[in-house]
């Protein structure tokens, strides 16, 4: 279940360690679309 959630809503915590230069940007795009939060940093702080 955890893997599925990560794929649906890419968390910056998992994306940063993998590629802090490439993953962060693409991950931030789907994040606001899946989550009602306007800022991709909001879920990161939470």
Protein backbone atom coordinates (compact mmCIF):
# COMPACT_ATOMS: atom_id res chain seq x y z
CA UNK A 1 0.00 0.00 0.00
CA UNK A 2 2.85 2.35 0.86
CA UNK A 3 4.42 1.93 -2.59
CA UNK A 4 1.13 2.74 -4.31
CA UNK A 5 0.66 5.89 -2.25
CA UNK A 6 4.19 7.05 -3.00
CA UNK A 7 3.57 6.65 -6.72
CA UNK A 8 0.22 8.46 -6.60
CA UNK A 9 1.47 11.26 -4.36
CA UNK A 10 5.26 11.57 -4.70
CA UNK A 11 6.59 12.84 -1.38
CA UNK A 12 9.50 15.29 -1.51
CA UNK A 13 11.20 13.24 1.23
CA UNK A 14 11.53 10.26 -1.12
CA UNK A 15 12.21 12.38 -4.20
CA UNK A 16 14.93 14.57 -2.68
CA UNK A 17 17.27 11.72 -1.67
CA UNK A 18 16.85 10.12 -5.11
CA UNK A 19 17.37 13.22 -7.25
CA UNK A 20 17.26 16.63 -5.52
CA UNK A 21 17.67 18.31 -8.91
CA UNK A 22 15.36 16.34 -11.22
CA UNK A 23 12.78 14.53 -9.10
CA UNK A 24 11.75 17.56 -7.05
CA UNK A 25 10.51 19.52 -10.07
CA UNK A 26 8.41 16.75 -11.71
CA UNK A 27 7.19 15.56 -8.31
CA UNK A 28 5.96 19.04 -7.38
CA UNK A 29 3.74 19.20 -10.48
CA UNK A 30 1.57 16.11 -9.78
CA UNK A 31 1.54 16.95 -6.05
CA UNK A 32 -0.67 20.09 -6.33
CA UNK A 33 -2.92 18.25 -8.79
CA UNK A 34 -3.49 15.29 -6.48
CA UNK A 35 -3.59 17.36 -3.29
CA UNK A 36 -5.88 20.38 -2.76
CA UNK A 37 -2.91 22.26 -1.30
CA UNK A 38 -1.78 25.12 -3.59
CA UNK A 39 1.85 24.86 -2.47
CA UNK A 40 3.95 21.69 -3.00
CA UNK A 41 5.92 22.67 0.12
CA UNK A 42 2.83 22.39 2.36
CA UNK A 43 2.73 18.55 2.22
CA UNK A 44 6.50 18.55 2.63
CA UNK A 45 6.32 20.40 5.95
CA UNK A 46 3.43 18.22 7.05
